[in-house]
Structure formats: C-alpha cells, structure tokens
C-alpha atoms as a PDB file:
ATOM      1  CA  MET A   1      -9.083 -15.821 -53.095  1.00  0.00           C
ATOM      2  CA  ALA A   2     -12.447 -15.380 -54.789  1.00  0.00           C
ATOM      3  CA  ALA A   3     -15.009 -18.204 -54.800  1.00  0.00           C
ATOM      4  CA  ARG A   4     -18.659 -18.774 -55.751  1.00  0.00           C
ATOM      5  CA  THR A   5     -22.010 -18.667 -53.982  1.00  0.00           C
ATOM      6  CA  LEU A   6     -24.946 -21.057 -54.122  1.00  0.00           C
ATOM      7  CA  VAL A   7     -26.561 -19.106 -56.976  1.00  0.00           C
ATOM      8  CA  SER A   8     -23.320 -18.811 -58.945  1.00  0.00           C
ATOM      9  CA  LEU A   9     -22.930 -22.567 -58.770  1.00  0.00           C
ATOM     10  CA  LEU A  10     -26.214 -22.849 -60.617  1.00  0.00           C
ATOM     11  CA  LEU A  11     -25.195 -20.305 -63.242  1.00  0.00           C
ATOM     12  CA  PRO A  12     -21.400 -20.364 -63.430  1.00  0.00           C
ATOM     13  CA  GLY A  13     -21.081 -18.829 -66.868  1.00  0.00           C
ATOM     14  CA  LEU A  14     -22.977 -15.619 -66.214  1.00  0.00           C
ATOM     15  CA  LEU A  15     -22.317 -15.003 -62.559  1.00  0.00           C
ATOM     16  CA  ALA A  16     -18.646 -15.873 -62.677  1.00  0.00           C
ATOM     17  CA  ALA A  17     -18.286 -13.113 -65.247  1.00  0.00           C
ATOM     18  CA  ALA A  18     -20.700 -10.809 -63.429  1.00  0.00           C
ATOM     19  CA  VAL A  19     -21.557 -10.739 -59.683  1.00  0.00           C
ATOM     20  CA  SER A  20     -20.284   3.324 -50.998  1.00  0.00           C
ATOM     21  CA  THR A  21     -20.119   6.398 -51.066  1.00  0.00           C
ATOM     22  CA  GLY A  22     -17.557   8.478 -49.172  1.00  0.00           C
ATOM     23  CA  CYS A  23     -14.546  10.644 -49.808  1.00  0.00           C
ATOM     24  CA  SER A  24     -11.408   9.894 -51.727  1.00  0.00           C
ATOM     25  CA  GLY A  25      -9.210  11.770 -49.292  1.00  0.00           C
ATOM     26  CA  SER A  26      -8.673  14.630 -51.702  1.00  0.00           C
ATOM     27  CA  THR A  27     -10.769  17.567 -52.799  1.00  0.00           C
ATOM     28  CA  SER A  28      -8.951  17.847 -56.107  1.00  0.00           C
ATOM     29  CA  SER A  29     -10.756  16.955 -59.312  1.00  0.00           C
ATOM     30  CA  SER A  30      -8.584  18.847 -61.777  1.00  0.00           C
ATOM     31  CA  ALA A  31      -7.632  17.076 -64.985  1.00  0.00           C
ATOM     32  CA  ASP A  32      -5.002  19.588 -66.035  1.00  0.00           C
ATOM     33  CA  PRO A  33      -1.590  17.885 -65.729  1.00  0.00           C
ATOM     34  CA  GLY A  34       0.079  21.308 -65.834  1.00  0.00           C
ATOM     35  CA  LYS A  35      -1.495  22.295 -62.512  1.00  0.00           C
ATOM     36  CA  PRO A  36      -0.651  19.595 -59.955  1.00  0.00           C
ATOM     37  CA  GLN A  37      -2.405  19.864 -56.599  1.00  0.00           C
ATOM     38  CA  GLY A  38      -1.048  18.369 -53.397  1.00  0.00           C
ATOM     39  CA  ALA A  39       1.923  16.056 -53.168  1.00  0.00           C
ATOM     40  CA  PRO A  40       2.402  12.342 -53.877  1.00  0.00           C
ATOM     41  CA  ALA A  41       2.350  10.297 -50.681  1.00  0.00           C
ATOM     42  CA  LEU A  42       5.274   8.103 -51.744  1.00  0.00           C
ATOM     43  CA  THR A  43       7.635   7.380 -54.609  1.00  0.00           C
ATOM     44  CA  LYS A  44       7.300   4.506 -57.063  1.00  0.00           C
ATOM     45  CA  GLU A  45      10.236   2.812 -55.349  1.00  0.00           C
ATOM     46  CA  GLN A  46       8.407   3.023 -52.024  1.00  0.00           C
ATOM     47  CA  ALA A  47       5.212   1.780 -53.672  1.00  0.00           C
ATOM     48  CA  GLN A  48       7.143  -1.241 -54.936  1.00  0.00           C
ATOM     49  CA  GLN A  49       8.267  -1.924 -51.367  1.00  0.00           C
ATOM     50  CA  VAL A  50       4.628  -1.748 -50.238  1.00  0.00           C
ATOM     51  CA  ILE A  51       3.442  -4.294 -52.794  1.00  0.00           C
ATOM     52  CA  THR A  52       6.398  -6.594 -52.075  1.00  0.00           C
ATOM     53  CA  SER A  53       5.709  -6.505 -48.327  1.00  0.00           C
ATOM     54  CA  PHE A  54       2.037  -7.111 -49.008  1.00  0.00           C
ATOM     55  CA  ALA A  55       2.795 -10.222 -51.066  1.00  0.00           C
ATOM     56  CA  ASP A  56       5.045 -11.563 -48.296  1.00  0.00           C
ATOM     57  CA  GLY A  57       2.299 -11.009 -45.720  1.00  0.00           C
ATOM     58  CA  MET A  58      -0.319 -12.648 -47.901  1.00  0.00           C
ATOM     59  CA  ASN A  59       1.845 -15.698 -48.413  1.00  0.00           C
ATOM     60  CA  ARG A  60       2.478 -16.104 -44.688  1.00  0.00           C
ATOM     61  CA  ALA A  61      -1.225 -15.765 -43.883  1.00  0.00           C
ATOM     62  CA  GLY A  62      -2.242 -18.147 -46.668  1.00  0.00           C
ATOM     63  CA  TYR A  63       0.232 -20.850 -45.689  1.00  0.00           C
ATOM     64  CA  ARG A  64      -1.060 -20.846 -42.113  1.00  0.00           C
ATOM     65  CA  PHE A  65      -4.742 -20.200 -42.953  1.00  0.00           C
ATOM     66  CA  ASN A  66      -4.339 -17.268 -40.558  1.00  0.00           C
ATOM     67  CA  GLY A  67      -6.984 -14.620 -41.137  1.00  0.00           C
ATOM     68  CA  ARG A  68      -5.700 -12.511 -38.244  1.00  0.00           C
ATOM     69  CA  ALA A  69      -2.341 -12.157 -39.972  1.00  0.00           C
ATOM     70  CA  LEU A  70      -4.088 -10.448 -42.879  1.00  0.00           C
ATOM     71  CA  ARG A  71      -4.743  -7.447 -40.611  1.00  0.00           C
ATOM     72  CA  THR A  72      -1.090  -6.483 -40.956  1.00  0.00           C
ATOM     73  CA  VAL A  73      -1.378  -6.094 -44.745  1.00  0.00           C
ATOM     74  CA  GLU A  74      -5.077  -5.455 -45.519  1.00  0.00           C
ATOM     75  CA  ALA A  75      -7.909  -3.082 -44.631  1.00  0.00           C
ATOM     76  CA  ASP A  76     -11.630  -3.438 -45.233  1.00  0.00           C
ATOM     77  CA  PRO A  77     -13.332  -4.285 -47.486  1.00  0.00           C
ATOM     78  CA  GLN A  78     -10.470  -6.474 -48.754  1.00  0.00           C
ATOM     79  CA  LEU A  79      -9.734  -7.742 -45.259  1.00  0.00           C
ATOM     80  CA  SER A  80     -13.233  -9.062 -44.518  1.00  0.00           C
ATOM     81  CA  MET A  81     -13.432 -10.679 -47.959  1.00  0.00           C
ATOM     82  CA  ASP A  82     -10.049 -12.397 -47.792  1.00  0.00           C
ATOM     83  CA  VAL A  83     -10.587 -13.559 -44.200  1.00  0.00           C
ATOM     84  CA  ALA A  84     -13.769 -15.270 -45.430  1.00  0.00           C
ATOM     85  CA  ALA A  85     -11.857 -16.727 -48.384  1.00  0.00           C
ATOM     86  CA  LEU A  86      -9.254 -18.187 -46.007  1.00  0.00           C
ATOM     87  CA  LYS A  87     -12.026 -19.768 -43.919  1.00  0.00           C
ATOM     88  CA  LEU A  88     -13.267 -21.494 -47.057  1.00  0.00           C
ATOM     89  CA  ARG A  89      -9.794 -22.720 -47.966  1.00  0.00           C
ATOM     90  CA  ARG A  90      -9.179 -23.964 -44.435  1.00  0.00           C
ATOM     91  CA  ALA A  91     -12.502 -25.851 -44.522  1.00  0.00           C
ATOM     92  CA  VAL A  92     -11.621 -27.595 -47.795  1.00  0.00           C
ATOM     93  CA  ARG A  93      -7.934 -27.935 -46.796  1.00  0.00           C
ATOM     94  CA  GLN A  94      -6.604 -26.134 -49.834  1.00  0.00           C
ATOM     95  CA  ARG A  95      -3.945 -23.471 -49.376  1.00  0.00           C
ATOM     96  CA  PRO A  96      -4.086 -20.454 -51.693  1.00  0.00           C
ATOM     97  CA  PRO A  97      -1.390 -20.266 -54.371  1.00  0.00           C
ATOM     98  CA  LYS A  98       1.692 -18.272 -53.520  1.00  0.00           C
ATOM     99  CA  VAL A  99       1.355 -14.633 -54.538  1.00  0.00           C
ATOM    100  CA  ALA A 100       3.992 -12.852 -56.632  1.00  0.00           C
ATOM    101  CA  PHE A 101       3.192  -9.629 -58.504  1.00  0.00           C
ATOM    102  CA  THR A 102       4.776  -8.898 -61.883  1.00  0.00           C
ATOM    103  CA  HIS A 103       4.412  -6.410 -64.760  1.00  0.00           C
ATOM    104  CA  THR A 104       3.391  -3.741 -62.245  1.00  0.00           C
ATOM    105  CA  THR A 105       2.520  -0.164 -63.147  1.00  0.00           C
ATOM    106  CA  PHE A 106       1.916   2.327 -60.336  1.00  0.00           C
ATOM    107  CA  TYR A 107      -0.596   5.177 -60.334  1.00  0.00           C
ATOM    108  CA  ILE A 108       0.235   7.512 -57.469  1.00  0.00           C
ATOM    109  CA  PRO A 109      -2.040  10.545 -57.073  1.00  0.00           C
ATOM    110  CA  ARG A 110      -1.134  13.952 -55.707  1.00  0.00           C
ATOM    111  CA  LEU A 111      -3.219  14.350 -52.541  1.00  0.00           C
ATOM    112  CA  THR A 112      -4.060  17.116 -50.090  1.00  0.00           C
ATOM    113  CA  GLY A 113      -5.138  14.984 -47.138  1.00  0.00           C
ATOM    114  CA  TYR A 114      -5.640  11.535 -45.654  1.00  0.00           C
ATOM    115  CA  PRO A 115      -6.279   8.790 -46.382  1.00  0.00           C
ATOM    116  CA  HIS A 116      -3.243   8.590 -48.636  1.00  0.00           C
ATOM    117  CA  TRP A 117      -3.653   6.027 -51.382  1.00  0.00           C
ATOM    118  CA  PHE A 118      -2.327   4.741 -54.657  1.00  0.00           C
ATOM    119  CA  ALA A 119      -3.276   2.174 -57.288  1.00  0.00           C
ATOM    120  CA  ALA A 120      -1.304  -0.505 -59.092  1.00  0.00           C
ATOM    121  CA  ASP A 121      -1.980  -2.501 -62.236  1.00  0.00           C
ATOM    122  CA  SER A 122      -0.273  -5.852 -61.727  1.00  0.00           C
ATOM    123  CA  VAL A 123      -0.377  -9.541 -62.672  1.00  0.00           C
ATOM    124  CA  THR A 124      -0.108 -12.766 -60.678  1.00  0.00           C
ATOM    125  CA  GLY A 125       0.406 -16.187 -62.182  1.00  0.00           C
ATOM    126  CA  GLN A 126       1.588 -17.082 -65.656  1.00  0.00           C
ATOM    127  CA  GLY A 127       0.102 -18.214 -68.948  1.00  0.00           C
ATOM    128  CA  LYS A 128      -3.496 -19.360 -68.737  1.00  0.00           C
ATOM    129  CA  ARG A 129      -3.401 -18.869 -64.969  1.00  0.00           C
ATOM    130  CA  ALA A 130      -2.369 -15.226 -65.203  1.00  0.00           C
ATOM    131  CA  LEU A 131      -4.702 -12.891 -63.310  1.00  0.00           C
ATOM    132  CA  ARG A 132      -4.707  -9.101 -63.612  1.00  0.00           C
ATOM    133  CA  HIS A 133      -5.288  -6.940 -60.529  1.00  0.00           C
ATOM    134  CA  ALA A 134      -6.384  -3.332 -59.993  1.00  0.00           C
ATOM    135  CA  LEU A 135      -4.859  -2.975 -56.526  1.00  0.00           C
ATOM    136  CA  LEU A 136      -5.754  -0.057 -54.253  1.00  0.00           C
ATOM    137  CA  PHE A 137      -3.558   0.598 -51.207  1.00  0.00           C
ATOM    138  CA  THR A 138      -4.457   3.081 -48.457  1.00  0.00           C
ATOM    139  CA  GLN A 139      -2.721   4.732 -45.507  1.00  0.00           C
ATOM    140  CA  ALA A 140      -5.145   5.961 -42.835  1.00  0.00           C
ATOM    141  CA  GLY A 141      -2.865   8.585 -41.266  1.00  0.00           C
ATOM    142  CA  LYS A 142       0.675   9.789 -40.813  1.00  0.00           C
ATOM    143  CA  GLY A 143       2.942   6.867 -39.912  1.00  0.00           C
ATOM    144  CA  ALA A 144       0.154   4.299 -40.405  1.00  0.00           C
ATOM    145  CA  PRO A 145       0.898   1.147 -42.409  1.00  0.00           C
ATOM    146  CA  TRP A 146       0.035   0.855 -46.088  1.00  0.00           C
ATOM    147  CA  LEU A 147      -2.754  -1.717 -46.449  1.00  0.00           C
ATOM    148  CA  LEU A 148      -4.544  -3.261 -49.424  1.00  0.00           C
ATOM    149  CA  ALA A 149      -8.141  -1.976 -49.370  1.00  0.00           C
ATOM    150  CA  ALA A 150      -9.428  -3.271 -52.707  1.00  0.00           C
ATOM    151  CA  ASP A 151      -8.448  -5.665 -55.486  1.00  0.00           C
ATOM    152  CA  PRO A 152     -11.109  -5.980 -58.190  1.00  0.00           C
ATOM    153  CA  TYR A 153     -10.111  -8.111 -61.158  1.00  0.00           C
ATOM    154  CA  PRO A 154     -10.394  -6.021 -64.345  1.00  0.00           C
ATOM    155  CA  SER A 155     -11.593  -7.712 -67.513  1.00  0.00           C
ATOM    156  CA  GLU A 156      -9.338  -5.497 -69.615  1.00  0.00           C
ATOM    157  CA  LEU A 157      -6.486  -3.004 -69.306  1.00  0.00           C
ATOM    158  CA  ALA A 158      -8.830  -0.677 -67.442  1.00  0.00           C
ATOM    159  CA  LEU A 159      -6.056   1.331 -65.775  1.00  0.00           C
ATOM    160  CA  GLY A 160      -4.126   1.928 -68.982  1.00  0.00           C
ATOM    161  CA  GLY A 161      -6.065   5.115 -69.711  1.00  0.00           C
ATOM    162  CA  ILE A 162      -5.134   6.886 -66.478  1.00  0.00           C
ATOM    163  CA  ALA A 163      -3.554  10.295 -67.125  1.00  0.00           C
ATOM    164  CA  LEU A 164      -0.116  11.118 -65.716  1.00  0.00           C
ATOM    165  CA  ASP A 165       1.455  14.541 -65.260  1.00  0.00           C
ATOM    166  CA  PRO A 166       4.977  15.360 -66.524  1.00  0.00           C
ATOM    167  CA  GLN A 167       6.440  13.971 -63.285  1.00  0.00           C
ATOM    168  CA  GLY A 168       4.567  10.669 -63.731  1.00  0.00           C
ATOM    169  CA  TYR A 169       1.901  11.181 -61.059  1.00  0.00           C
ATOM    170  CA  ALA A 170      -1.865  10.754 -61.328  1.00  0.00           C
ATOM    171  CA  THR A 171      -4.712  13.137 -60.494  1.00  0.00           C
ATOM    172  CA  PRO A 172      -7.423  12.125 -58.003  1.00  0.00           C
ATOM    173  CA  VAL A 173     -11.081  12.665 -58.819  1.00  0.00           C
ATOM    174  CA  ALA A 174     -13.412  13.720 -56.017  1.00  0.00           C
ATOM    175  CA  PRO A 175     -16.582  11.655 -55.428  1.00  0.00           C
ATOM    176  CA  ASN A 176     -18.712  14.728 -56.149  1.00  0.00           C
ATOM    177  CA  ALA A 177     -16.850  15.743 -59.328  1.00  0.00           C
ATOM    178  CA  LYS A 178     -19.344  17.447 -61.633  1.00  0.00           C
ATOM    179  CA  ASP A 179     -17.366  17.399 -64.899  1.00  0.00           C
ATOM    180  CA  LEU A 180     -18.203  13.745 -65.572  1.00  0.00           C
ATOM    181  CA  ALA A 181     -21.259  12.035 -67.042  1.00  0.00           C
ATOM    182  CA  VAL A 182     -22.198  11.168 -63.442  1.00  0.00           C
ATOM    183  CA  PRO A 183     -20.468  12.079 -60.146  1.00  0.00           C
ATOM    184  CA  PRO A 184     -18.549   8.988 -58.938  1.00  0.00           C
ATOM    185  CA  ALA A 185     -20.479   8.994 -55.650  1.00  0.00           C
ATOM    186  CA  ARG A 186     -23.726   8.330 -57.549  1.00  0.00           C
ATOM    187  CA  VAL A 187     -22.470   5.246 -59.365  1.00  0.00           C
ATOM    188  CA  PRO A 188     -22.812   2.788 -56.432  1.00  0.00           C
ATOM    189  CA  GLN A 189     -26.444   3.758 -55.853  1.00  0.00           C
ATOM    190  CA  ALA A 190     -27.264   3.408 -59.551  1.00  0.00           C
ATOM    191  CA  HIS A 191     -25.504   0.048 -59.749  1.00  0.00           C
ATOM    192  CA  ALA A 192     -27.258  -1.260 -56.626  1.00  0.00           C
ATOM    193  CA  ALA A 193     -30.639  -0.179 -58.005  1.00  0.00           C
ATOM    194  CA  LEU A 194     -30.002  -1.919 -61.334  1.00  0.00           C
ATOM    195  CA  LEU A 195     -28.916  -5.215 -59.736  1.00  0.00           C
ATOM    196  CA  THR A 196     -31.878  -5.173 -57.333  1.00  0.00           C
ATOM    197  CA  ASP A 197     -34.734  -3.923 -59.516  1.00  0.00           C
ATOM    198  CA  GLY A 198     -33.457  -4.238 -63.078  1.00  0.00           C
ATOM    199  CA  PRO A 199     -32.644  -1.861 -65.952  1.00  0.00           C
ATOM    200  CA  GLY A 200     -35.855   0.108 -65.366  1.00  0.00           C
ATOM    201  CA  ALA A 201     -34.842   1.137 -61.841  1.00  0.00           C
ATOM    202  CA  SER A 202     -34.202   4.773 -61.011  1.00  0.00           C
ATOM    203  CA  GLY A 203     -30.653   5.738 -62.048  1.00  0.00           C
ATOM    204  CA  ALA A 204     -29.956   2.399 -63.743  1.00  0.00           C
ATOM    205  CA  SER A 205     -29.635   4.120 -67.126  1.00  0.00           C
ATOM    206  CA  LEU A 206     -26.427   5.771 -65.881  1.00  0.00           C
ATOM    207  CA  LEU A 207     -24.656   2.420 -66.380  1.00  0.00           C
ATOM    208  CA  ALA A 208     -23.809   0.753 -69.677  1.00  0.00           C
ATOM    209  CA  GLU A 209     -25.160  -2.713 -70.403  1.00  0.00           C
ATOM    210  CA  GLY A 210     -22.702  -5.530 -69.774  1.00  0.00           C
ATOM    211  CA  ALA A 211     -21.720  -8.693 -67.922  1.00  0.00           C
ATOM    212  CA  LYS A 212     -21.492  -6.966 -64.537  1.00  0.00           C
ATOM    213  CA  THR A 213     -24.660  -4.908 -64.859  1.00  0.00           C
ATOM    214  CA  THR A 214     -27.623  -6.010 -66.983  1.00  0.00           C
ATOM    215  CA  GLU A 215     -26.342  -9.556 -67.547  1.00  0.00           C
ATOM    216  CA  THR A 216     -25.810 -10.048 -63.817  1.00  0.00           C
ATOM    217  CA  TYR A 217     -29.390  -8.981 -63.150  1.00  0.00           C
ATOM    218  CA  LYS A 218     -30.659 -11.463 -65.746  1.00  0.00           C
ATOM    219  CA  ALA A 219     -28.512 -14.221 -64.230  1.00  0.00           C
ATOM    220  CA  LEU A 220     -29.875 -13.509 -60.764  1.00  0.00           C
ATOM    221  CA  LYS A 221     -33.455 -13.731 -62.035  1.00  0.00           C
ATOM    222  CA  GLU A 222     -32.654 -17.032 -63.762  1.00  0.00           C
ATOM    223  CA  GLY A 223     -31.053 -18.265 -60.561  1.00  0.00           C
ATOM    224  CA  GLU A 224     -34.169 -17.418 -58.578  1.00  0.00           C
ATOM    225  CA  LYS A 225     -36.289 -19.417 -61.048  1.00  0.00           C
ATOM    226  CA  SER A 226     -33.937 -22.401 -60.883  1.00  0.00           C
ATOM    227  CA  LEU A 227     -34.039 -22.387 -57.098  1.00  0.00           C
ATOM    228  CA  ALA A 228     -37.813 -22.000 -57.039  1.00  0.00           C
ATOM    229  CA  ALA A 229     -38.079 -25.196 -59.099  1.00  0.00           C
ATOM    230  CA  ARG A 230     -36.184 -26.916 -56.277  1.00  0.00           C
ATOM    231  CA  GLY A 231     -38.471 -25.514 -53.586  1.00  0.00           C
ATOM    232  CA  VAL A 232     -36.146 -22.687 -52.524  1.00  0.00           C
ATOM    233  CA  THR A 233     -37.052 -18.997 -52.520  1.00  0.00           C
ATOM    234  CA  LEU A 234     -34.258 -16.445 -52.923  1.00  0.00           C
ATOM    235  CA  SER A 235     -34.530 -12.756 -52.130  1.00  0.00           C
ATOM    236  CA  SER A 236     -31.518 -10.610 -53.085  1.00  0.00           C
ATOM    237  CA  ARG A 237     -30.967  -6.898 -52.464  1.00  0.00           C
ATOM    238  CA  PHE A 238     -27.954  -4.719 -53.242  1.00  0.00           C
ATOM    239  CA  SER A 239     -27.047  -1.443 -51.534  1.00  0.00           C
ATOM    240  CA  PRO A 240     -24.101   0.982 -51.506  1.00  0.00           C
ATOM    241  CA  SER A 241     -21.607   0.120 -48.773  1.00  0.00           C
ATOM    242  CA  GLN A 242     -19.982   2.475 -46.286  1.00  0.00           C
ATOM    243  CA  TYR A 243     -16.603   2.231 -47.985  1.00  0.00           C
ATOM    244  CA  ASN A 244     -14.991   5.138 -49.818  1.00  0.00           C
ATOM    245  CA  VAL A 245     -15.191   5.767 -53.533  1.00  0.00           C
ATOM    246  CA  TYR A 246     -11.742   6.374 -55.057  1.00  0.00           C
ATOM    247  CA  GLY A 247     -11.112   7.822 -58.497  1.00  0.00           C
ATOM    248  CA  LEU A 248      -8.283   8.749 -60.874  1.00  0.00           C
ATOM    249  CA  ARG A 249      -8.481  11.029 -63.905  1.00  0.00           C
ATOM    250  CA  THR A 250      -8.140   9.429 -67.335  1.00  0.00           C
ATOM    251  CA  LYS A 251      -6.582  10.814 -70.506  1.00  0.00           C
ATOM    252  CA  ASP A 252     -10.005  11.572 -72.024  1.00  0.00           C
ATOM    253  CA  ARG A 253     -10.923  13.667 -68.924  1.00  0.00           C
ATOM    254  CA  GLY A 254     -13.057  10.851 -67.553  1.00  0.00           C
ATOM    255  CA  ALA A 255     -12.249   8.749 -64.471  1.00  0.00           C
ATOM    256  CA  VAL A 256     -11.554   5.230 -63.297  1.00  0.00           C
ATOM    257  CA  ILE A 257     -13.265   4.566 -59.958  1.00  0.00           C
ATOM    258  CA  TRP A 258     -13.235   1.891 -57.246  1.00  0.00           C
ATOM    259  CA  TYR A 259     -16.393   1.292 -55.170  1.00  0.00           C
ATOM    260  CA  VAL A 260     -18.123  -1.441 -53.159  1.00  0.00           C
ATOM    261  CA  LEU A 261     -21.680  -2.778 -52.957  1.00  0.00           C
ATOM    262  CA  LYS A 262     -23.240  -4.944 -50.258  1.00  0.00           C
ATOM    263  CA  GLN A 263     -25.572  -7.777 -51.244  1.00  0.00           C
ATOM    264  CA  ASN A 264     -27.985  -9.321 -48.758  1.00  0.00           C
ATOM    265  CA  GLU A 265     -29.350 -12.724 -49.753  1.00  0.00           C
ATOM    266  CA  ALA A 266     -32.132 -14.618 -48.016  1.00  0.00           C
ATOM    267  CA  TYR A 267     -32.807 -18.253 -48.958  1.00  0.00           C
ATOM    268  CA  SER A 268     -35.911 -19.963 -47.566  1.00  0.00           C
ATOM    269  CA  ALA A 269     -37.569 -23.336 -47.996  1.00  0.00           C
ATOM    270  CA  ALA A 270     -40.770 -24.813 -46.632  1.00  0.00           C
ATOM    271  CA  ARG A 271     -39.158 -28.235 -46.178  1.00  0.00           C
ATOM    272  CA  ARG A 272     -36.008 -29.062 -44.260  1.00  0.00           C
ATOM    273  CA  GLY A 273     -33.085 -30.445 -46.195  1.00  0.00           C
ATOM    274  CA  ARG A 274     -33.551 -28.152 -49.182  1.00  0.00           C
ATOM    275  CA  LEU A 275     -30.902 -25.700 -47.944  1.00  0.00           C
ATOM    276  CA  THR A 276     -27.229 -26.323 -47.269  1.00  0.00           C
ATOM    277  CA  VAL A 277     -24.059 -24.286 -46.823  1.00  0.00           C
ATOM    278  CA  SER A 278     -22.079 -24.866 -50.011  1.00  0.00           C
ATOM    279  CA  GLY A 279     -19.936 -23.152 -52.635  1.00  0.00           C
ATOM    280  CA  ASP A 280     -18.767 -19.695 -51.587  1.00  0.00           C
ATOM    281  CA  LEU A 281     -20.449 -20.062 -48.186  1.00  0.00           C
ATOM    282  CA  VAL A 282     -18.324 -22.984 -46.995  1.00  0.00           C
ATOM    283  CA  GLY A 283     -16.435 -22.081 -43.824  1.00  0.00           C
ATOM    284  CA  LEU A 284     -18.840 -19.308 -42.828  1.00  0.00           C
ATOM    285  CA  ALA A 285     -21.387 -21.544 -41.050  1.00  0.00           C
ATOM    286  CA  PRO A 286     -21.807 -25.254 -40.250  1.00  0.00           C
ATOM    287  CA  SER A 287     -22.940 -27.157 -43.345  1.00  0.00           C
ATOM    288  CA  ALA A 288     -26.125 -28.402 -41.684  1.00  0.00           C
ATOM    289  CA  SER A 289     -27.015 -25.148 -39.878  1.00  0.00           C
ATOM    290  CA  PRO A 290     -29.835 -23.946 -42.169  1.00  0.00           C
ATOM    291  CA  ARG A 291     -33.130 -25.713 -41.544  1.00  0.00           C
ATOM    292  CA  THR A 292     -35.555 -23.560 -43.490  1.00  0.00           C
ATOM    293  CA  ARG A 293     -33.685 -20.240 -43.866  1.00  0.00           C
ATOM    294  CA  LEU A 294     -30.201 -19.054 -44.785  1.00  0.00           C
ATOM    295  CA  ASP A 295     -29.160 -15.386 -44.668  1.00  0.00           C
ATOM    296  CA  THR A 296     -25.916 -14.174 -46.199  1.00  0.00           C
ATOM    297  CA  THR A 297     -23.985 -10.938 -46.558  1.00  0.00           C
ATOM    298  CA  VAL A 298     -21.808 -10.452 -49.638  1.00  0.00           C
ATOM    299  CA  LEU A 299     -19.381  -7.668 -50.535  1.00  0.00           C
ATOM    300  CA  VAL A 300     -18.703  -6.879 -54.188  1.00  0.00           C
ATOM    301  CA  GLN A 301     -15.838  -4.612 -55.238  1.00  0.00           C
ATOM    302  CA  TYR A 302     -16.157  -2.913 -58.605  1.00  0.00           C
ATOM    303  CA  LEU A 303     -13.924  -1.028 -60.990  1.00  0.00           C
ATOM    304  CA  ALA A 304     -15.686   1.284 -63.436  1.00  0.00           C
ATOM    305  CA  THR A 305     -14.843   3.893 -66.048  1.00  0.00           C
ATOM    306  CA  VAL A 306     -16.880   7.106 -65.990  1.00  0.00           C
ATOM    307  CA  PRO A 307     -16.629   9.185 -69.193  1.00  0.00           C
ATOM    308  CA  PRO A 308     -17.146  12.954 -69.522  1.00  0.00           C
ATOM    309  CA  LYS A 309     -20.339  12.114 -71.419  1.00  0.00           C
ATOM    310  CA  GLY A 310     -22.227   8.866 -71.818  1.00  0.00           C
ATOM    311  CA  ARG A 311     -22.713   5.938 -69.433  1.00  0.00           C
ATOM    312  CA  ALA A 312     -20.366   4.454 -66.857  1.00  0.00           C
ATOM    313  CA  ALA A 313     -18.955   1.042 -67.822  1.00  0.00           C
ATOM    314  CA  VAL A 314     -18.091  -1.570 -65.188  1.00  0.00           C
ATOM    315  CA  SER A 315     -14.850  -3.349 -66.086  1.00  0.00           C
ATOM    316  CA  GLY A 316     -13.771  -5.277 -62.984  1.00  0.00           C
ATOM    317  CA  MET A 317     -15.031  -6.941 -59.812  1.00  0.00           C
ATOM    318  CA  TYR A 318     -14.244  -9.156 -56.825  1.00  0.00           C
ATOM    319  CA  ARG A 319     -17.192 -10.816 -55.057  1.00  0.00           C
ATOM    320  CA  LYS A 320     -17.117 -12.696 -51.746  1.00  0.00           C
ATOM    321  CA  ALA A 321     -19.675 -13.772 -49.171  1.00  0.00           C
ATOM    322  CA  ILE A 322     -18.493 -12.708 -45.698  1.00  0.00           C
ATOM    323  CA  THR A 323     -21.263 -13.996 -43.408  1.00  0.00           C
ATOM    324  CA  ALA A 324     -23.832 -16.799 -43.459  1.00  0.00           C
ATOM    325  CA  GLN A 325     -26.375 -17.718 -40.813  1.00  0.00           C
ATOM    326  CA  GLY A 326     -28.855 -20.555 -40.918  1.00  0.00           C
ATOM    327  CA  SER A 327     -32.039 -20.971 -38.942  1.00  0.00           C
END
C-alpha cells in the first residue's frame, strides 16, 4: 500500500528507490546452530496459517477501505502505515489489489520470551508486478493474535542468507549483540543521523553507501532546492522510532535486522497557495488545509544486513506518511 510524498513526486527516480531501538524479545545472540536456545513459538504449518489469515484480513479491509479492520491482522508500525495508505486509496477511490502470498519461506527463531515473532520471505503479484516482502509477524503474549508488524520491500533476496539449525529454525540476534560490526540497536541512530545531516554525521560511516542511505540524502537535498525555487522551504529530520529492532543470524555470522525511523517534515511558504496536500499525503488532511505551513510525520521501515566486520548495508524499505497538518 506504499505511496509517495510531495518531495518524492519531484524526484521519483531517487526517492522511490530510497526513502528504534528496543528489544527483540530474546536475549540469545548465539550463532552456533548446534546449541539452540529457547523454543520456536510455532511450526511452519502454523506460520502458513498465520500468513493465510493475514491475507484474508487484508483483503477484507482493503475491499471496504476499513482501516479499523486492519487492527485484527496488524500491529504498529505496519498498522499506522497501512491505515494511512487506505485513507489515500479511499480518497482517490482506488481499492488495493487483492493480496495472495506465494513462494513463501519461513524463518522461525528459537525464543526465550515474548514478544514471539517470526519472519517470512514471500511474493505477491506475478510477472512485472511481482513484489517481494520481508514480512515480520509478532505475538505480544501468550494467547495473543499473530499480527504483521513490519513489511519492508527488499531489493534483493536479503533473507536468503539467514542461518538455520538442523531442525530448520533460525537464531535471533539481540539488539546489543557485540559480535557484529555494529550492535543492531545502533543502526537506527546512525541511519537517522546520515539522512538528516549527511555522510559526515556522527555514526554515518557505520552504513554502506547506497540508494537508501547516501543517495536518499542527496535526493532530499535536491528536493529542498527544487522546492526553494518554487518558494517553498522544507525542513526534514529523521530519528529512531520507539519500535523494536529484530534480528536473525546469517550464515556468515552476521545478521539481518528490521528497524524503523521516524521522519518529521515541515513545509513552509511565505505566500498562500504554494502548499497543497498531494501525493502520499492525500487522505491525511483536507487538500486546501495548508495556508503557509504543512507538517507531516512519516514512518520508514528498513531491512539491513549487518556483517561481522565492515559496514551495514540497507537492502529494503517501506515508507509512508501517517499524519499531515496544515496551518
């Protein structure tokens, strides 16, 4: 259900390709498949039931443009992002395509506590419309429903390197794991600093150059210049969100991690009529609500690979504005 913001409409090529710390629910960070810790929360057959039920719920909510119905199958941050996406689709009277997941591979970690969670590499659509997903489902407590918490779109087979033990289960990586190039919990802060202040920002060197890091920063700067030529000033700041960082051990003793950033945008113009609610912001505020200022909140999910040595590489994302307020 992803869409684009005002700035991405100006620079579709770069920003379409480009633009939290907490616990993973497990204290295990072992990479030794011969020493499993904890127990898997569910079987692969049960995980398949979860993803099938999720697809059914998504299709019902999408057909009715019913954001409240998403609460039965999603948790934040995915919930807030998809509710906003449904508002956009309702405003433009365009139902989302029916969801059906295929070619699914499950990555179920052994865990020692809640939240329980698992990941799935899956595909929706066919041919040129095929879209790969790095789904992350969570269960808050015993007997609680399984809900989709994150769904960044990987640009490659990012989950294919996840290590499995002899029984076919994955190993979780703690946010503070110290046997990696950088602890997963530090990646969101480094990424937020890079996108806000550029490659010279503190910690930015922890991330590899690429479309979702250095190229996104360049695109944002170009977008600010383009808007300035139209009499609009844009201020954009990224920060780590409150959402958990989740990680799974890879075959090379690195990790694949899921995390979320928050982006606050402020558009201002000296003259009325220069600002309007458009693009990704449609449905979040009346189109004529901004007079000289427009403030937005955006959530961006990321998927990254953290090696034992070297720099973390960002391989997937899902970006969606969730609030907009004009004044």
